[in-house]
Amino acid sequence: MADTFDEECDYLFKAVLIGDSGVGKSNLLSRFAKDEFRLDSKPTIGVEFAYRNIKVGDKLIKAQIWDTAGQERFRAITSSYYRGASGAVLVYDITMRSSYENVRKWLLELREFGGEDMVIVLVGNKCDLDQSREVEKEEGKGYAETEGLCFMETSALKNLNVEQVFLQMITRIYEMTRQKNLAAKMEDKPINLLNGKEIHVTDEVTATKQASSCCSR
């Protein structure tokens, strides 16, 4: 794990946090990026983001996590930020059933504006408030399985599973990116012609491989 910004990274991945206002998106991000939690956290206006460097195998990955406002009046502003994101953390509050019911709406929006291969993790936050639970864990997990999403319950307050959520998403993005790179290189095999010459079908593609300039703060 590395937290310095001046190191040269191998990849830069963008991900978004989405879900209703008040489900704890901003505290999940601040817990992951700075290991901080604010009881007086205010609604996000527009979009905020944070970086963190993460080591996956022998690769250093800069995760750029965007925190999008959950209020309806800001959704037109934030929809453009889904584009270019490799991953998304879709958050609901286990003590607020309406936030879980709105997951379907957010997922539709994600799939409209996001890429086909976006890695999506469904997160039931505030699991430390189990006595006030309105959404059972099995229900959230079952929906995630139906939609092909990863799933985890978290507590930003207690710092429970927060790290695991982001690491799971980023590791999965990296694995998919590596597979695409390998497939692209395989397609670049030369074709031998009868006259002994050879041509290359495509130039080598490195997908989201980033130059060091992309990894500066």
C-alpha atoms as a PDB file:
ATOM      1  CA  MET A   1       0.000   0.000   0.000  1.00  0.00           C
ATOM      2  CA  ALA A   2       1.300   3.416  -0.946  1.00  0.00           C
ATOM      3  CA  ASP A   3      -0.187   6.786  -0.150  1.00  0.00           C
ATOM      4  CA  THR A   4       2.303   9.162  -1.708  1.00  0.00           C
ATOM      5  CA  PHE A   5       1.263  11.043  -4.829  1.00  0.00           C
ATOM      6  CA  ASP A   6       4.661  11.512  -6.455  1.00  0.00           C
ATOM      7  CA  GLU A   7       5.233   7.852  -7.266  1.00  0.00           C
ATOM      8  CA  GLU A   8       4.880   6.730 -10.857  1.00  0.00           C
ATOM      9  CA  CYS A   9       1.780   4.567 -11.138  1.00  0.00           C
ATOM     10  CA  ASP A  10       1.013   1.829 -13.637  1.00  0.00           C
ATOM     11  CA  TYR A  11      -2.701   2.480 -13.967  1.00  0.00           C
ATOM     12  CA  LEU A  12      -5.206   5.220 -13.201  1.00  0.00           C
ATOM     13  CA  PHE A  13      -8.751   4.007 -12.568  1.00  0.00           C
ATOM     14  CA  LYS A  14     -11.754   6.268 -12.105  1.00  0.00           C
ATOM     15  CA  ALA A  15     -14.719   5.096 -10.028  1.00  0.00           C
ATOM     16  CA  VAL A  16     -17.876   6.783  -8.788  1.00  0.00           C
ATOM     17  CA  LEU A  17     -19.872   6.612  -5.573  1.00  0.00           C
ATOM     18  CA  ILE A  18     -23.617   6.856  -6.183  1.00  0.00           C
ATOM     19  CA  GLY A  19     -26.830   6.462  -4.231  1.00  0.00           C
ATOM     20  CA  ASP A  20     -29.404   8.555  -2.406  1.00  0.00           C
ATOM     21  CA  SER A  21     -28.425  11.550  -0.313  1.00  0.00           C
ATOM     22  CA  GLY A  22     -27.662  10.668   3.297  1.00  0.00           C
ATOM     23  CA  VAL A  23     -26.633   7.035   2.798  1.00  0.00           C
ATOM     24  CA  GLY A  24     -23.020   7.781   3.776  1.00  0.00           C
ATOM     25  CA  LYS A  25     -21.178   8.047   0.464  1.00  0.00           C
ATOM     26  CA  SER A  26     -18.952  10.926   1.566  1.00  0.00           C
ATOM     27  CA  ASN A  27     -17.953   9.202   4.805  1.00  0.00           C
ATOM     28  CA  LEU A  28     -17.169   5.977   2.944  1.00  0.00           C
ATOM     29  CA  LEU A  29     -14.840   7.972   0.696  1.00  0.00           C
ATOM     30  CA  SER A  30     -13.189   9.915   3.522  1.00  0.00           C
ATOM     31  CA  ARG A  31     -12.744   6.698   5.518  1.00  0.00           C
ATOM     32  CA  PHE A  32     -11.102   4.997   2.543  1.00  0.00           C
ATOM     33  CA  ALA A  33      -8.970   7.933   1.389  1.00  0.00           C
ATOM     34  CA  LYS A  34      -8.001   9.534   4.722  1.00  0.00           C
ATOM     35  CA  ASP A  35      -9.314   7.151   7.414  1.00  0.00           C
ATOM     36  CA  GLU A  36     -11.604   9.905   8.659  1.00  0.00           C
ATOM     37  CA  PHE A  37     -15.263   9.975   9.667  1.00  0.00           C
ATOM     38  CA  ARG A  38     -17.345  13.106  10.247  1.00  0.00           C
ATOM     39  CA  LEU A  39     -20.563  12.964  12.246  1.00  0.00           C
ATOM     40  CA  ASP A  40     -21.434  16.436  10.945  1.00  0.00           C
ATOM     41  CA  SER A  41     -20.972  15.469   7.308  1.00  0.00           C
ATOM     42  CA  LYS A  42     -22.986  17.755   5.008  1.00  0.00           C
ATOM     43  CA  PRO A  43     -24.624  16.843   1.681  1.00  0.00           C
ATOM     44  CA  THR A  44     -22.239  16.869  -1.261  1.00  0.00           C
ATOM     45  CA  ILE A  45     -22.860  19.699  -3.718  1.00  0.00           C
ATOM     46  CA  GLY A  46     -22.105  18.621  -7.267  1.00  0.00           C
ATOM     47  CA  VAL A  47     -19.034  16.377  -7.282  1.00  0.00           C
ATOM     48  CA  GLU A  48     -16.020  15.850  -5.035  1.00  0.00           C
ATOM     49  CA  PHE A  49     -13.196  13.355  -5.468  1.00  0.00           C
ATOM     50  CA  ALA A  50     -10.208  11.851  -3.716  1.00  0.00           C
ATOM     51  CA  TYR A  51      -7.173   9.798  -4.712  1.00  0.00           C
ATOM     52  CA  ARG A  52      -5.439   6.863  -3.148  1.00  0.00           C
ATOM     53  CA  ASN A  53      -2.566   4.726  -4.408  1.00  0.00           C
ATOM     54  CA  ILE A  54      -3.056   0.986  -4.092  1.00  0.00           C
ATOM     55  CA  LYS A  55      -0.697  -1.915  -4.765  1.00  0.00           C
ATOM     56  CA  VAL A  56      -2.233  -4.867  -6.610  1.00  0.00           C
ATOM     57  CA  GLY A  57       0.361  -7.574  -7.160  1.00  0.00           C
ATOM     58  CA  ASP A  58       3.424  -5.771  -8.520  1.00  0.00           C
ATOM     59  CA  LYS A  59       1.398  -2.904  -9.987  1.00  0.00           C
ATOM     60  CA  LEU A  60       0.774   0.499  -8.413  1.00  0.00           C
ATOM     61  CA  ILE A  61      -2.726   1.765  -9.146  1.00  0.00           C
ATOM     62  CA  LYS A  62      -4.000   5.269  -8.527  1.00  0.00           C
ATOM     63  CA  ALA A  63      -7.679   5.085  -7.635  1.00  0.00           C
ATOM     64  CA  GLN A  64      -9.592   8.262  -8.399  1.00  0.00           C
ATOM     65  CA  ILE A  65     -12.919   8.052  -6.550  1.00  0.00           C
ATOM     66  CA  TRP A  66     -15.654  10.563  -7.370  1.00  0.00           C
ATOM     67  CA  ASP A  67     -18.382  11.311  -4.834  1.00  0.00           C
ATOM     68  CA  THR A  68     -21.531  12.374  -6.689  1.00  0.00           C
ATOM     69  CA  ALA A  69     -24.365  14.290  -5.053  1.00  0.00           C
ATOM     70  CA  GLY A  70     -27.429  12.183  -4.341  1.00  0.00           C
ATOM     71  CA  GLN A  71     -30.006  14.968  -4.496  1.00  0.00           C
ATOM     72  CA  GLU A  72     -32.274  14.892  -7.519  1.00  0.00           C
ATOM     73  CA  ARG A  73     -31.529  18.490  -8.515  1.00  0.00           C
ATOM     74  CA  PHE A  74     -27.842  17.697  -9.032  1.00  0.00           C
ATOM     75  CA  ARG A  75     -28.297  14.528 -11.070  1.00  0.00           C
ATOM     76  CA  ALA A  76     -28.192  16.321 -14.414  1.00  0.00           C
ATOM     77  CA  ILE A  77     -24.817  17.750 -13.400  1.00  0.00           C
ATOM     78  CA  THR A  78     -23.334  14.484 -12.213  1.00  0.00           C
ATOM     79  CA  SER A  79     -24.555  12.166 -14.983  1.00  0.00           C
ATOM     80  CA  SER A  80     -21.639  13.188 -17.221  1.00  0.00           C
ATOM     81  CA  TYR A  81     -19.198  12.039 -14.546  1.00  0.00           C
ATOM     82  CA  TYR A  82     -20.223   8.408 -15.002  1.00  0.00           C
ATOM     83  CA  ARG A  83     -18.558   8.363 -18.388  1.00  0.00           C
ATOM     84  CA  GLY A  84     -14.997   7.117 -18.270  1.00  0.00           C
ATOM     85  CA  ALA A  85     -15.504   5.386 -14.925  1.00  0.00           C
ATOM     86  CA  SER A  86     -14.265   1.814 -14.703  1.00  0.00           C
ATOM     87  CA  GLY A  87     -16.083   1.099 -11.444  1.00  0.00           C
ATOM     88  CA  ALA A  88     -18.939   2.215  -9.239  1.00  0.00           C
ATOM     89  CA  VAL A  89     -19.917   1.774  -5.601  1.00  0.00           C
ATOM     90  CA  LEU A  90     -23.718   1.897  -5.394  1.00  0.00           C
ATOM     91  CA  VAL A  91     -24.679   2.685  -1.798  1.00  0.00           C
ATOM     92  CA  TYR A  92     -27.909   2.369   0.175  1.00  0.00           C
ATOM     93  CA  ASP A  93     -28.627   2.766   3.894  1.00  0.00           C
ATOM     94  CA  ILE A  94     -29.773  -0.462   5.556  1.00  0.00           C
ATOM     95  CA  THR A  95     -31.926   1.616   7.949  1.00  0.00           C
ATOM     96  CA  MET A  96     -33.683   3.491   5.110  1.00  0.00           C
ATOM     97  CA  ARG A  97     -35.706   1.202   2.868  1.00  0.00           C
ATOM     98  CA  SER A  98     -36.438   3.965   0.358  1.00  0.00           C
ATOM     99  CA  SER A  99     -32.704   4.241  -0.375  1.00  0.00           C
ATOM    100  CA  TYR A 100     -32.637   0.518  -1.163  1.00  0.00           C
ATOM    101  CA  GLU A 101     -35.692   0.755  -3.400  1.00  0.00           C
ATOM    102  CA  ASN A 102     -33.981   3.553  -5.330  1.00  0.00           C
ATOM    103  CA  VAL A 103     -30.988   1.305  -6.071  1.00  0.00           C
ATOM    104  CA  ARG A 104     -32.819   0.097  -9.191  1.00  0.00           C
ATOM    105  CA  LYS A 105     -33.099   3.673 -10.456  1.00  0.00           C
ATOM    106  CA  TRP A 106     -29.424   4.368  -9.829  1.00  0.00           C
ATOM    107  CA  LEU A 107     -28.423   1.111 -11.510  1.00  0.00           C
ATOM    108  CA  LEU A 108     -30.403   2.011 -14.623  1.00  0.00           C
ATOM    109  CA  GLU A 109     -28.661   5.380 -14.729  1.00  0.00           C
ATOM    110  CA  LEU A 110     -25.260   3.746 -14.245  1.00  0.00           C
ATOM    111  CA  ARG A 111     -25.840   1.356 -17.104  1.00  0.00           C
ATOM    112  CA  GLU A 112     -27.053   4.178 -19.328  1.00  0.00           C
ATOM    113  CA  PHE A 113     -24.070   6.461 -18.770  1.00  0.00           C
ATOM    114  CA  GLY A 114     -21.365   3.962 -17.755  1.00  0.00           C
ATOM    115  CA  GLY A 115     -19.402   1.485 -19.827  1.00  0.00           C
ATOM    116  CA  GLU A 116     -20.484  -2.086 -20.481  1.00  0.00           C
ATOM    117  CA  ASP A 117     -17.617  -3.521 -18.455  1.00  0.00           C
ATOM    118  CA  MET A 118     -18.021  -1.276 -15.410  1.00  0.00           C
ATOM    119  CA  VAL A 119     -17.388  -3.119 -12.139  1.00  0.00           C
ATOM    120  CA  ILE A 120     -20.275  -2.354  -9.773  1.00  0.00           C
ATOM    121  CA  VAL A 121     -20.325  -3.087  -6.042  1.00  0.00           C
ATOM    122  CA  LEU A 122     -23.636  -2.812  -4.203  1.00  0.00           C
ATOM    123  CA  VAL A 123     -23.062  -1.633  -0.648  1.00  0.00           C
ATOM    124  CA  GLY A 124     -25.466  -1.659   2.287  1.00  0.00           C
ATOM    125  CA  ASN A 125     -23.984   0.989   4.579  1.00  0.00           C
ATOM    126  CA  LYS A 126     -24.528   1.692   8.307  1.00  0.00           C
ATOM    127  CA  CYS A 127     -24.598  -1.976   9.306  1.00  0.00           C
ATOM    128  CA  ASP A 128     -23.566  -0.861  12.815  1.00  0.00           C
ATOM    129  CA  LEU A 129     -27.217   0.237  13.219  1.00  0.00           C
ATOM    130  CA  ASP A 130     -28.525  -3.307  13.010  1.00  0.00           C
ATOM    131  CA  GLN A 131     -31.278  -2.599  15.555  1.00  0.00           C
ATOM    132  CA  SER A 132     -32.780  -0.079  13.095  1.00  0.00           C
ATOM    133  CA  ARG A 133     -32.355  -2.289  10.020  1.00  0.00           C
ATOM    134  CA  GLU A 134     -35.054  -2.077   7.346  1.00  0.00           C
ATOM    135  CA  VAL A 135     -33.235  -4.075   4.654  1.00  0.00           C
ATOM    136  CA  GLU A 136     -31.998  -7.579   5.445  1.00  0.00           C
ATOM    137  CA  LYS A 137     -28.531  -8.548   4.274  1.00  0.00           C
ATOM    138  CA  GLU A 138     -29.889 -11.542   2.369  1.00  0.00           C
ATOM    139  CA  GLU A 139     -32.211  -9.260   0.385  1.00  0.00           C
ATOM    140  CA  GLY A 140     -29.407  -6.982  -0.735  1.00  0.00           C
ATOM    141  CA  LYS A 141     -27.156  -9.928  -1.537  1.00  0.00           C
ATOM    142  CA  GLY A 142     -29.897 -11.649  -3.528  1.00  0.00           C
ATOM    143  CA  TYR A 143     -30.564  -8.547  -5.618  1.00  0.00           C
ATOM    144  CA  ALA A 144     -26.840  -8.117  -6.294  1.00  0.00           C
ATOM    145  CA  GLU A 145     -26.563 -11.718  -7.489  1.00  0.00           C
ATOM    146  CA  THR A 146     -29.577 -11.262  -9.768  1.00  0.00           C
ATOM    147  CA  GLU A 147     -28.021  -8.166 -11.363  1.00  0.00           C
ATOM    148  CA  GLY A 148     -24.480  -9.546 -11.512  1.00  0.00           C
ATOM    149  CA  LEU A 149     -23.084  -7.120  -8.936  1.00  0.00           C
ATOM    150  CA  CYS A 150     -20.593  -7.587  -6.127  1.00  0.00           C
ATOM    151  CA  PHE A 151     -22.105  -7.061  -2.661  1.00  0.00           C
ATOM    152  CA  MET A 152     -20.948  -6.089   0.807  1.00  0.00           C
ATOM    153  CA  GLU A 153     -22.332  -4.440   3.937  1.00  0.00           C
ATOM    154  CA  THR A 154     -20.234  -1.701   5.508  1.00  0.00           C
ATOM    155  CA  SER A 155     -20.024   0.724   8.382  1.00  0.00           C
ATOM    156  CA  ALA A 156     -18.124   3.921   7.687  1.00  0.00           C
ATOM    157  CA  LEU A 157     -18.506   4.815  11.379  1.00  0.00           C
ATOM    158  CA  LYS A 158     -16.935   1.565  12.617  1.00  0.00           C
ATOM    159  CA  ASN A 159     -14.634   1.256   9.586  1.00  0.00           C
ATOM    160  CA  LEU A 160     -16.103  -2.161   8.784  1.00  0.00           C
ATOM    161  CA  ASN A 161     -15.473  -3.573   5.281  1.00  0.00           C
ATOM    162  CA  VAL A 162     -14.794  -0.109   3.812  1.00  0.00           C
ATOM    163  CA  GLU A 163     -11.286  -1.019   2.692  1.00  0.00           C
ATOM    164  CA  GLN A 164     -12.492  -4.355   1.343  1.00  0.00           C
ATOM    165  CA  VAL A 165     -15.170  -2.771  -0.845  1.00  0.00           C
ATOM    166  CA  PHE A 166     -12.752  -0.496  -2.682  1.00  0.00           C
ATOM    167  CA  LEU A 167      -9.976  -3.077  -2.906  1.00  0.00           C
ATOM    168  CA  GLN A 168     -12.395  -5.650  -4.331  1.00  0.00           C
ATOM    169  CA  MET A 169     -13.590  -3.203  -6.965  1.00  0.00           C
ATOM    170  CA  ILE A 170     -10.124  -1.960  -7.943  1.00  0.00           C
ATOM    171  CA  THR A 171      -8.653  -5.472  -8.069  1.00  0.00           C
ATOM    172  CA  ARG A 172     -11.478  -6.591 -10.334  1.00  0.00           C
ATOM    173  CA  ILE A 173     -10.989  -3.572 -12.622  1.00  0.00           C
ATOM    174  CA  TYR A 174      -7.284  -4.360 -12.832  1.00  0.00           C
ATOM    175  CA  GLU A 175      -7.929  -8.025 -13.666  1.00  0.00           C
ATOM    176  CA  MET A 176     -10.345  -7.081 -16.453  1.00  0.00           C
ATOM    177  CA  THR A 177      -7.935  -4.489 -17.831  1.00  0.00           C
ATOM    178  CA  ARG A 178      -5.080  -6.986 -17.836  1.00  0.00           C
ATOM    179  CA  GLN A 179      -7.222  -9.543 -19.671  1.00  0.00           C
ATOM    180  CA  LYS A 180      -8.124  -6.943 -22.312  1.00  0.00           C
ATOM    181  CA  ASN A 181      -4.452  -6.085 -22.769  1.00  0.00           C
ATOM    182  CA  LEU A 182      -3.519  -9.729 -23.219  1.00  0.00           C
ATOM    183  CA  ALA A 183      -6.357 -10.248 -25.696  1.00  0.00           C
ATOM    184  CA  ALA A 184      -5.275  -7.195 -27.682  1.00  0.00           C
ATOM    185  CA  LYS A 185      -1.698  -8.472 -27.851  1.00  0.00           C
ATOM    186  CA  MET A 186      -2.903 -11.896 -28.985  1.00  0.00           C
ATOM    187  CA  GLU A 187      -4.831 -10.251 -31.834  1.00  0.00           C
ATOM    188  CA  ASP A 188      -1.596  -8.562 -32.899  1.00  0.00           C
ATOM    189  CA  LYS A 189      -0.057 -11.852 -34.037  1.00  0.00           C
ATOM    190  CA  PRO A 190       1.542 -11.540 -37.500  1.00  0.00           C
ATOM    191  CA  ILE A 191      -0.171 -13.164 -40.497  1.00  0.00           C
ATOM    192  CA  ASN A 192       2.261 -15.062 -42.754  1.00  0.00           C
ATOM    193  CA  LEU A 193       1.598 -14.571 -46.462  1.00  0.00           C
ATOM    194  CA  LEU A 194       2.610 -16.866 -49.323  1.00  0.00           C
ATOM    195  CA  ASN A 195       5.381 -14.546 -50.462  1.00  0.00           C
ATOM    196  CA  GLY A 196       7.078 -14.743 -47.081  1.00  0.00           C
ATOM    197  CA  LYS A 197       6.169 -11.240 -45.970  1.00  0.00           C
ATOM    198  CA  GLU A 198       4.151 -10.583 -42.863  1.00  0.00           C
ATOM    199  CA  ILE A 199       1.689  -7.907 -41.844  1.00  0.00           C
ATOM    200  CA  HIS A 200       0.399  -6.896 -38.436  1.00  0.00           C
ATOM    201  CA  VAL A 201      -3.360  -6.637 -38.076  1.00  0.00           C
ATOM    202  CA  THR A 202      -3.342  -4.017 -35.324  1.00  0.00           C
ATOM    203  CA  ASP A 203      -0.920  -1.918 -33.362  1.00  0.00           C
ATOM    204  CA  GLU A 204      -0.326  -2.996 -29.790  1.00  0.00           C
ATOM    205  CA  VAL A 205      -3.067  -1.733 -27.507  1.00  0.00           C
ATOM    206  CA  THR A 206      -2.408  -0.979 -23.859  1.00  0.00           C
ATOM    207  CA  ALA A 207      -5.984  -0.108 -22.837  1.00  0.00           C
ATOM    208  CA  THR A 208      -5.917   2.012 -19.685  1.00  0.00           C
ATOM    209  CA  LYS A 209      -2.161   1.802 -19.168  1.00  0.00           C
ATOM    210  CA  GLN A 210      -1.228   5.287 -18.012  1.00  0.00           C
ATOM    211  CA  ALA A 211       1.843   7.400 -18.553  1.00  0.00           C
ATOM    212  CA  SER A 212       3.397   8.903 -15.453  1.00  0.00           C
ATOM    213  CA  SER A 213       1.987  12.307 -16.407  1.00  0.00           C
ATOM    214  CA  CYS A 214      -1.535  10.894 -15.943  1.00  0.00           C
ATOM    215  CA  CYS A 215      -0.714   9.986 -12.406  1.00  0.00           C
ATOM    216  CA  SER A 216       0.323  13.387 -11.163  1.00  0.00           C
ATOM    217  CA  ARG A 217      -1.854  15.083  -8.655  1.00  0.00           C
END
